[in-house]
Amino acid sequence: MLQKLAALQQRLGYEFRSTALLLEALTHPSYLQDHPAAGPHNQRLEFLGDSVLQFILTDALFREFTAEREGVLSRRRAVLSQGGFLTQMARDLGLDDALRLSKSEEDTGGRGRASILEDAFEALVGAMYLDSDLATTRARVLAWYGPLAARLAATEDAENPKGRLQELIQPVHGNTALRYEVTATTGPRHAREFAVAVFLNDRQLGTGTGPSKKVAEEIAARTALLTLRQENHGNTK
């Protein structure tokens, strides 16, 4: 276990002064069924870490996106702190390899279970906060996330392309500048295919086709986002 802890701390870019805190963060409640004297499990640290993480993300988003409204900032924080996102962060850091689980939990796939990994990530943040201070924890957490704008762009474009496109266009062009138009409908009634174009005022930004207008609009929005990203990249050269 000591070798695993050393490897984990190297990946974290942080060496714990209290190994006991790190072990607590990695200890699932089930572990105490087999090892009752092993010390506390990670649920209290998860409670603390959740609040610390929310503050770190709130502060970072507030400082980075100075023109965004409260609703947009709240949605972006939710994206960065949702269970699936934290589960992937835990895997990226290798927390799954270092978890302490009961044999039964291990045998039923607990090491890869999303809820266990999410709790462990938040518990790790809580443990680091107690082991150091807020400034150190903030620096390490944001280093794990990397550039927030890039993380958000990749996630939001994939999950909600229409919402992401609206967020980019609205501050500059207003609420009604975007519109989606069905340009063609083909195929028999039971297998229709819709073609949709998205316009910024009178300029066509993207097109998409799909088995429903909703799907076609989402594909058109993704195309428009790619167009805007390529234009912005060209302008920065």
C-alpha atoms as a PDB file:
ATOM      1  CA  MET A   1       0.000   0.000   0.000  1.00  0.00           C
ATOM      2  CA  LEU A   2       2.871   2.378   0.752  1.00  0.00           C
ATOM      3  CA  GLN A   3       4.112   2.021  -2.818  1.00  0.00           C
ATOM      4  CA  LYS A   4       0.641   2.845  -4.144  1.00  0.00           C
ATOM      5  CA  LEU A   5       0.422   5.903  -1.904  1.00  0.00           C
ATOM      6  CA  ALA A   6       3.797   7.142  -3.086  1.00  0.00           C
ATOM      7  CA  ALA A   7       2.816   6.711  -6.739  1.00  0.00           C
ATOM      8  CA  LEU A   8      -0.506   8.442  -6.143  1.00  0.00           C
ATOM      9  CA  GLN A   9       1.101  11.448  -4.458  1.00  0.00           C
ATOM     10  CA  GLN A  10       3.492  11.783  -7.369  1.00  0.00           C
ATOM     11  CA  ARG A  11       0.520  11.905  -9.758  1.00  0.00           C
ATOM     12  CA  LEU A  12      -1.222  14.432  -7.522  1.00  0.00           C
ATOM     13  CA  GLY A  13       1.813  16.692  -7.402  1.00  0.00           C
ATOM     14  CA  TYR A  14       1.364  16.893  -3.640  1.00  0.00           C
ATOM     15  CA  GLU A  15       2.958  15.007  -0.740  1.00  0.00           C
ATOM     16  CA  PHE A  16       0.774  14.651   2.340  1.00  0.00           C
ATOM     17  CA  ARG A  17       2.232  15.546   5.684  1.00  0.00           C
ATOM     18  CA  SER A  18      -0.372  13.266   7.266  1.00  0.00           C
ATOM     19  CA  THR A  19      -0.514   9.877   5.549  1.00  0.00           C
ATOM     20  CA  ALA A  20      -3.469   9.090   7.799  1.00  0.00           C
ATOM     21  CA  LEU A  21      -5.559  11.790   6.078  1.00  0.00           C
ATOM     22  CA  LEU A  22      -4.729  10.405   2.654  1.00  0.00           C
ATOM     23  CA  LEU A  23      -5.622   6.872   3.766  1.00  0.00           C
ATOM     24  CA  GLU A  24      -8.902   8.136   5.197  1.00  0.00           C
ATOM     25  CA  ALA A  25      -9.774   9.768   1.871  1.00  0.00           C
ATOM     26  CA  LEU A  26      -9.166   6.471   0.092  1.00  0.00           C
ATOM     27  CA  THR A  27     -11.104   4.313   2.565  1.00  0.00           C
ATOM     28  CA  HIS A  28     -14.586   3.288   1.422  1.00  0.00           C
ATOM     29  CA  PRO A  29     -17.033   2.526   4.267  1.00  0.00           C
ATOM     30  CA  SER A  30     -17.138  -1.126   3.195  1.00  0.00           C
ATOM     31  CA  TYR A  31     -13.446  -1.549   4.075  1.00  0.00           C
ATOM     32  CA  LEU A  32     -14.271  -1.316   7.786  1.00  0.00           C
ATOM     33  CA  GLN A  33     -16.443  -4.423   7.525  1.00  0.00           C
ATOM     34  CA  ASP A  34     -13.286  -6.468   6.973  1.00  0.00           C
ATOM     35  CA  HIS A  35     -10.929  -4.190   8.932  1.00  0.00           C
ATOM     36  CA  PRO A  36     -12.862  -2.612  11.841  1.00  0.00           C
ATOM     37  CA  ALA A  37      -9.717  -1.090  13.377  1.00  0.00           C
ATOM     38  CA  ALA A  38      -8.561   0.547  10.141  1.00  0.00           C
ATOM     39  CA  GLY A  39      -9.643   4.037  11.166  1.00  0.00           C
ATOM     40  CA  PRO A  40     -12.391   6.311   9.822  1.00  0.00           C
ATOM     41  CA  HIS A  41     -13.845   5.975   6.325  1.00  0.00           C
ATOM     42  CA  ASN A  42     -14.014   8.843   3.837  1.00  0.00           C
ATOM     43  CA  GLN A  43     -17.593  10.106   4.136  1.00  0.00           C
ATOM     44  CA  ARG A  44     -16.850  13.018   6.467  1.00  0.00           C
ATOM     45  CA  LEU A  45     -13.965  14.125   4.241  1.00  0.00           C
ATOM     46  CA  GLU A  46     -16.257  13.808   1.217  1.00  0.00           C
ATOM     47  CA  PHE A  47     -18.716  16.191   2.913  1.00  0.00           C
ATOM     48  CA  LEU A  48     -15.957  18.738   3.511  1.00  0.00           C
ATOM     49  CA  GLY A  49     -14.320  18.281   0.116  1.00  0.00           C
ATOM     50  CA  ASP A  50     -17.568  18.854  -1.742  1.00  0.00           C
ATOM     51  CA  SER A  51     -17.865  22.341  -0.226  1.00  0.00           C
ATOM     52  CA  VAL A  52     -14.168  23.154  -0.758  1.00  0.00           C
ATOM     53  CA  LEU A  53     -14.378  22.062  -4.405  1.00  0.00           C
ATOM     54  CA  GLN A  54     -17.527  24.116  -4.990  1.00  0.00           C
ATOM     55  CA  PHE A  55     -15.805  27.204  -3.603  1.00  0.00           C
ATOM     56  CA  ILE A  56     -12.649  26.675  -5.675  1.00  0.00           C
ATOM     57  CA  LEU A  57     -14.650  26.269  -8.888  1.00  0.00           C
ATOM     58  CA  THR A  58     -16.963  29.185  -8.072  1.00  0.00           C
ATOM     59  CA  ASP A  59     -14.018  31.497  -7.409  1.00  0.00           C
ATOM     60  CA  ALA A  60     -12.120  30.362 -10.516  1.00  0.00           C
ATOM     61  CA  LEU A  61     -15.132  30.724 -12.821  1.00  0.00           C
ATOM     62  CA  PHE A  62     -16.016  34.130 -11.369  1.00  0.00           C
ATOM     63  CA  ARG A  63     -12.489  35.412 -12.029  1.00  0.00           C
ATOM     64  CA  GLU A  64     -12.060  33.861 -15.476  1.00  0.00           C
ATOM     65  CA  PHE A  65     -15.452  34.598 -17.064  1.00  0.00           C
ATOM     66  CA  THR A  66     -15.901  38.212 -16.032  1.00  0.00           C
ATOM     67  CA  ALA A  67     -18.684  38.976 -18.524  1.00  0.00           C
ATOM     68  CA  GLU A  68     -20.893  35.979 -17.735  1.00  0.00           C
ATOM     69  CA  ARG A  69     -24.120  36.153 -15.744  1.00  0.00           C
ATOM     70  CA  GLU A  70     -24.930  34.153 -12.620  1.00  0.00           C
ATOM     71  CA  GLY A  71     -26.997  31.555 -14.471  1.00  0.00           C
ATOM     72  CA  VAL A  72     -24.228  30.775 -16.949  1.00  0.00           C
ATOM     73  CA  LEU A  73     -21.621  30.543 -14.176  1.00  0.00           C
ATOM     74  CA  SER A  74     -23.876  28.221 -12.171  1.00  0.00           C
ATOM     75  CA  ARG A  75     -24.346  25.899 -15.157  1.00  0.00           C
ATOM     76  CA  ARG A  76     -20.623  25.825 -15.807  1.00  0.00           C
ATOM     77  CA  ARG A  77     -19.874  25.008 -12.178  1.00  0.00           C
ATOM     78  CA  ALA A  78     -22.433  22.199 -12.360  1.00  0.00           C
ATOM     79  CA  VAL A  79     -20.695  20.770 -15.426  1.00  0.00           C
ATOM     80  CA  LEU A  80     -17.317  20.771 -13.668  1.00  0.00           C
ATOM     81  CA  SER A  81     -18.625  19.255 -10.435  1.00  0.00           C
ATOM     82  CA  GLN A  82     -21.119  16.685 -11.703  1.00  0.00           C
ATOM     83  CA  GLY A  83     -20.676  13.049 -10.762  1.00  0.00           C
ATOM     84  CA  GLY A  84     -19.565  11.775 -14.158  1.00  0.00           C
ATOM     85  CA  PHE A  85     -16.954  14.492 -14.470  1.00  0.00           C
ATOM     86  CA  LEU A  86     -15.518  13.855 -11.006  1.00  0.00           C
ATOM     87  CA  THR A  87     -15.483  10.114 -11.666  1.00  0.00           C
ATOM     88  CA  GLN A  88     -13.315  10.661 -14.729  1.00  0.00           C
ATOM     89  CA  MET A  89     -11.067  13.030 -12.770  1.00  0.00           C
ATOM     90  CA  ALA A  90     -10.617  10.302 -10.137  1.00  0.00           C
ATOM     91  CA  ARG A  91      -9.663   7.802 -12.832  1.00  0.00           C
ATOM     92  CA  ASP A  92      -7.257  10.270 -14.443  1.00  0.00           C
ATOM     93  CA  LEU A  93      -5.489  10.662 -11.097  1.00  0.00           C
ATOM     94  CA  GLY A  94      -5.430   6.906 -10.472  1.00  0.00           C
ATOM     95  CA  LEU A  95      -7.580   6.966  -7.341  1.00  0.00           C
ATOM     96  CA  ASP A  96      -9.243   3.734  -8.433  1.00  0.00           C
ATOM     97  CA  ASP A  97      -5.973   1.842  -8.028  1.00  0.00           C
ATOM     98  CA  ALA A  98      -5.390   3.153  -4.495  1.00  0.00           C
ATOM     99  CA  LEU A  99      -8.871   2.722  -2.981  1.00  0.00           C
ATOM    100  CA  ARG A 100      -9.345   0.602   0.142  1.00  0.00           C
ATOM    101  CA  LEU A 101     -12.449  -1.584  -0.301  1.00  0.00           C
ATOM    102  CA  SER A 102     -13.935  -4.647   1.337  1.00  0.00           C
ATOM    103  CA  LYS A 103     -13.414  -7.963  -0.457  1.00  0.00           C
ATOM    104  CA  SER A 104     -17.087  -8.154  -1.387  1.00  0.00           C
ATOM    105  CA  GLU A 105     -17.044  -4.603  -2.789  1.00  0.00           C
ATOM    106  CA  GLU A 106     -13.864  -5.412  -4.696  1.00  0.00           C
ATOM    107  CA  ASP A 107     -15.364  -8.608  -6.115  1.00  0.00           C
ATOM    108  CA  THR A 108     -18.482  -6.805  -7.372  1.00  0.00           C
ATOM    109  CA  GLY A 109     -16.577  -4.131  -9.299  1.00  0.00           C
ATOM    110  CA  GLY A 110     -16.494  -1.419  -6.647  1.00  0.00           C
ATOM    111  CA  ARG A 111     -13.091  -0.153  -7.744  1.00  0.00           C
ATOM    112  CA  GLY A 112     -14.651   1.133 -10.939  1.00  0.00           C
ATOM    113  CA  ARG A 113     -18.013   2.234  -9.509  1.00  0.00           C
ATOM    114  CA  ALA A 114     -18.790   5.864 -10.323  1.00  0.00           C
ATOM    115  CA  SER A 115     -20.298   6.804  -6.952  1.00  0.00           C
ATOM    116  CA  ILE A 116     -17.283   5.422  -5.064  1.00  0.00           C
ATOM    117  CA  LEU A 117     -14.804   7.264  -7.287  1.00  0.00           C
ATOM    118  CA  GLU A 118     -16.750  10.539  -7.066  1.00  0.00           C
ATOM    119  CA  ASP A 119     -16.801  10.346  -3.258  1.00  0.00           C
ATOM    120  CA  ALA A 120     -13.095   9.519  -3.170  1.00  0.00           C
ATOM    121  CA  PHE A 121     -12.220  12.534  -5.332  1.00  0.00           C
ATOM    122  CA  GLU A 122     -14.176  14.906  -3.085  1.00  0.00           C
ATOM    123  CA  ALA A 123     -12.694  13.252   0.021  1.00  0.00           C
ATOM    124  CA  LEU A 124      -9.220  13.767  -1.436  1.00  0.00           C
ATOM    125  CA  VAL A 125      -9.916  17.487  -1.847  1.00  0.00           C
ATOM    126  CA  GLY A 126     -11.115  17.642   1.765  1.00  0.00           C
ATOM    127  CA  ALA A 127      -8.047  15.767   3.009  1.00  0.00           C
ATOM    128  CA  MET A 128      -5.681  18.046   1.111  1.00  0.00           C
ATOM    129  CA  TYR A 129      -7.430  21.115   2.519  1.00  0.00           C
ATOM    130  CA  LEU A 130      -6.964  19.846   6.081  1.00  0.00           C
ATOM    131  CA  ASP A 131      -3.378  18.788   5.377  1.00  0.00           C
ATOM    132  CA  SER A 132      -2.358  22.154   3.889  1.00  0.00           C
ATOM    133  CA  ASP A 133      -4.512  25.249   3.292  1.00  0.00           C
ATOM    134  CA  LEU A 134      -7.004  26.671   0.823  1.00  0.00           C
ATOM    135  CA  ALA A 135      -4.415  28.303  -1.443  1.00  0.00           C
ATOM    136  CA  THR A 136      -2.448  25.070  -1.859  1.00  0.00           C
ATOM    137  CA  THR A 137      -5.597  23.030  -2.430  1.00  0.00           C
ATOM    138  CA  ARG A 138      -6.887  25.532  -4.970  1.00  0.00           C
ATOM    139  CA  ALA A 139      -3.624  25.450  -6.915  1.00  0.00           C
ATOM    140  CA  ARG A 140      -3.527  21.648  -7.023  1.00  0.00           C
ATOM    141  CA  VAL A 141      -7.207  21.206  -7.927  1.00  0.00           C
ATOM    142  CA  LEU A 142      -7.027  23.725 -10.762  1.00  0.00           C
ATOM    143  CA  ALA A 143      -3.836  22.062 -12.015  1.00  0.00           C
ATOM    144  CA  TRP A 144      -5.713  18.747 -12.201  1.00  0.00           C
ATOM    145  CA  TYR A 145      -8.538  20.387 -14.129  1.00  0.00           C
ATOM    146  CA  GLY A 146      -6.263  22.244 -16.524  1.00  0.00           C
ATOM    147  CA  PRO A 147      -7.589  25.278 -18.466  1.00  0.00           C
ATOM    148  CA  LEU A 148     -11.241  25.584 -17.478  1.00  0.00           C
ATOM    149  CA  ALA A 149     -12.298  27.128 -20.781  1.00  0.00           C
ATOM    150  CA  ALA A 150     -10.974  24.132 -22.700  1.00  0.00           C
ATOM    151  CA  ARG A 151     -12.574  21.650 -20.292  1.00  0.00           C
ATOM    152  CA  LEU A 152     -15.917  23.413 -20.560  1.00  0.00           C
ATOM    153  CA  ALA A 153     -15.794  23.773 -24.337  1.00  0.00           C
ATOM    154  CA  ALA A 154     -15.215  20.058 -24.833  1.00  0.00           C
ATOM    155  CA  THR A 155     -17.922  19.066 -22.358  1.00  0.00           C
ATOM    156  CA  GLU A 156     -20.562  21.649 -23.209  1.00  0.00           C
ATOM    157  CA  ASP A 157     -20.175  21.288 -26.963  1.00  0.00           C
ATOM    158  CA  ALA A 158     -20.789  17.559 -26.654  1.00  0.00           C
ATOM    159  CA  GLU A 159     -23.656  17.648 -24.162  1.00  0.00           C
ATOM    160  CA  ASN A 160     -25.555  20.818 -25.071  1.00  0.00           C
ATOM    161  CA  PRO A 161     -24.343  22.289 -28.380  1.00  0.00           C
ATOM    162  CA  LYS A 162     -27.379  24.552 -28.842  1.00  0.00           C
ATOM    163  CA  GLY A 163     -27.015  26.007 -25.356  1.00  0.00           C
ATOM    164  CA  ARG A 164     -23.290  26.483 -25.817  1.00  0.00           C
ATOM    165  CA  LEU A 165     -23.814  28.262 -29.142  1.00  0.00           C
ATOM    166  CA  GLN A 166     -26.430  30.536 -27.588  1.00  0.00           C
ATOM    167  CA  GLU A 167     -24.053  31.425 -24.731  1.00  0.00           C
ATOM    168  CA  LEU A 168     -21.356  32.437 -27.217  1.00  0.00           C
ATOM    169  CA  ILE A 169     -23.640  34.497 -29.449  1.00  0.00           C
ATOM    170  CA  GLN A 170     -25.960  36.174 -26.938  1.00  0.00           C
ATOM    171  CA  PRO A 171     -23.512  38.607 -25.258  1.00  0.00           C
ATOM    172  CA  VAL A 172     -22.480  40.071 -28.614  1.00  0.00           C
ATOM    173  CA  HIS A 173     -25.586  39.773 -30.784  1.00  0.00           C
ATOM    174  CA  GLY A 174     -28.526  39.501 -28.360  1.00  0.00           C
ATOM    175  CA  ASN A 175     -31.143  36.862 -27.561  1.00  0.00           C
ATOM    176  CA  THR A 176     -32.792  36.584 -30.983  1.00  0.00           C
ATOM    177  CA  ALA A 177     -29.804  36.603 -33.359  1.00  0.00           C
ATOM    178  CA  LEU A 178     -29.771  32.801 -33.777  1.00  0.00           C
ATOM    179  CA  ARG A 179     -32.441  30.907 -35.686  1.00  0.00           C
ATOM    180  CA  TYR A 180     -32.813  27.338 -36.943  1.00  0.00           C
ATOM    181  CA  GLU A 181     -34.555  26.590 -40.235  1.00  0.00           C
ATOM    182  CA  VAL A 182     -35.589  23.251 -41.731  1.00  0.00           C
ATOM    183  CA  THR A 183     -34.202  23.372 -45.270  1.00  0.00           C
ATOM    184  CA  ALA A 184     -35.323  19.932 -46.457  1.00  0.00           C
ATOM    185  CA  THR A 185     -37.347  16.904 -45.386  1.00  0.00           C
ATOM    186  CA  THR A 186     -36.722  13.623 -47.186  1.00  0.00           C
ATOM    187  CA  GLY A 187     -37.650   9.947 -46.916  1.00  0.00           C
ATOM    188  CA  PRO A 188     -40.909   8.132 -46.155  1.00  0.00           C
ATOM    189  CA  ARG A 189     -42.989   9.098 -43.137  1.00  0.00           C
ATOM    190  CA  HIS A 190     -41.621   6.264 -41.004  1.00  0.00           C
ATOM    191  CA  ALA A 191     -37.993   7.152 -41.835  1.00  0.00           C
ATOM    192  CA  ARG A 192     -37.866  10.907 -42.302  1.00  0.00           C
ATOM    193  CA  GLU A 193     -34.607  12.789 -42.460  1.00  0.00           C
ATOM    194  CA  PHE A 194     -34.479  16.481 -41.672  1.00  0.00           C
ATOM    195  CA  ALA A 195     -31.916  18.982 -42.890  1.00  0.00           C
ATOM    196  CA  VAL A 196     -31.488  22.079 -40.720  1.00  0.00           C
ATOM    197  CA  ALA A 197     -29.413  25.234 -41.069  1.00  0.00           C
ATOM    198  CA  VAL A 198     -28.545  27.593 -38.200  1.00  0.00           C
ATOM    199  CA  PHE A 199     -28.219  31.291 -38.973  1.00  0.00           C
ATOM    200  CA  LEU A 200     -26.632  34.182 -37.141  1.00  0.00           C
ATOM    201  CA  ASN A 201     -28.892  36.957 -38.380  1.00  0.00           C
ATOM    202  CA  ASP A 202     -28.580  36.398 -42.163  1.00  0.00           C
ATOM    203  CA  ARG A 203     -25.318  34.437 -42.065  1.00  0.00           C
ATOM    204  CA  GLN A 204     -25.448  30.650 -42.192  1.00  0.00           C
ATOM    205  CA  LEU A 205     -23.142  29.237 -39.520  1.00  0.00           C
ATOM    206  CA  GLY A 206     -23.766  25.510 -39.827  1.00  0.00           C
ATOM    207  CA  THR A 207     -25.951  22.706 -41.158  1.00  0.00           C
ATOM    208  CA  GLY A 208     -27.005  19.294 -39.928  1.00  0.00           C
ATOM    209  CA  THR A 209     -29.156  16.325 -40.877  1.00  0.00           C
ATOM    210  CA  GLY A 210     -30.849  13.794 -38.632  1.00  0.00           C
ATOM    211  CA  PRO A 211     -33.903  11.601 -38.005  1.00  0.00           C
ATOM    212  CA  SER A 212     -35.624  14.435 -36.128  1.00  0.00           C
ATOM    213  CA  LYS A 213     -35.516  18.208 -36.144  1.00  0.00           C
ATOM    214  CA  LYS A 214     -34.008  18.166 -32.640  1.00  0.00           C
ATOM    215  CA  VAL A 215     -31.084  15.953 -33.666  1.00  0.00           C
ATOM    216  CA  ALA A 216     -30.516  17.926 -36.871  1.00  0.00           C
ATOM    217  CA  GLU A 217     -30.471  21.209 -34.915  1.00  0.00           C
ATOM    218  CA  GLU A 218     -27.904  19.821 -32.461  1.00  0.00           C
ATOM    219  CA  ILE A 219     -25.636  18.697 -35.318  1.00  0.00           C
ATOM    220  CA  ALA A 220     -26.021  22.101 -36.976  1.00  0.00           C
ATOM    221  CA  ALA A 221     -25.074  23.792 -33.689  1.00  0.00           C
ATOM    222  CA  ARG A 222     -21.940  21.617 -33.378  1.00  0.00           C
ATOM    223  CA  THR A 223     -20.966  22.573 -36.935  1.00  0.00           C
ATOM    224  CA  ALA A 224     -21.486  26.249 -36.086  1.00  0.00           C
ATOM    225  CA  LEU A 225     -19.341  25.929 -32.954  1.00  0.00           C
ATOM    226  CA  LEU A 226     -16.557  24.377 -35.023  1.00  0.00           C
ATOM    227  CA  THR A 227     -16.837  27.224 -37.548  1.00  0.00           C
ATOM    228  CA  LEU A 228     -16.589  29.863 -34.823  1.00  0.00           C
ATOM    229  CA  ARG A 229     -13.674  28.097 -33.142  1.00  0.00           C
ATOM    230  CA  GLN A 230     -11.736  27.898 -36.401  1.00  0.00           C
ATOM    231  CA  GLU A 231     -12.390  31.580 -37.083  1.00  0.00           C
ATOM    232  CA  ASN A 232     -11.258  32.582 -33.600  1.00  0.00           C
ATOM    233  CA  HIS A 233      -8.136  30.436 -33.948  1.00  0.00           C
ATOM    234  CA  GLY A 234      -7.343  32.129 -37.244  1.00  0.00           C
ATOM    235  CA  ASN A 235      -7.782  35.564 -35.693  1.00  0.00           C
ATOM    236  CA  THR A 236      -5.241  34.800 -32.969  1.00  0.00           C
ATOM    237  CA  LYS A 237      -2.444  33.879 -35.372  1.00  0.00           C
END
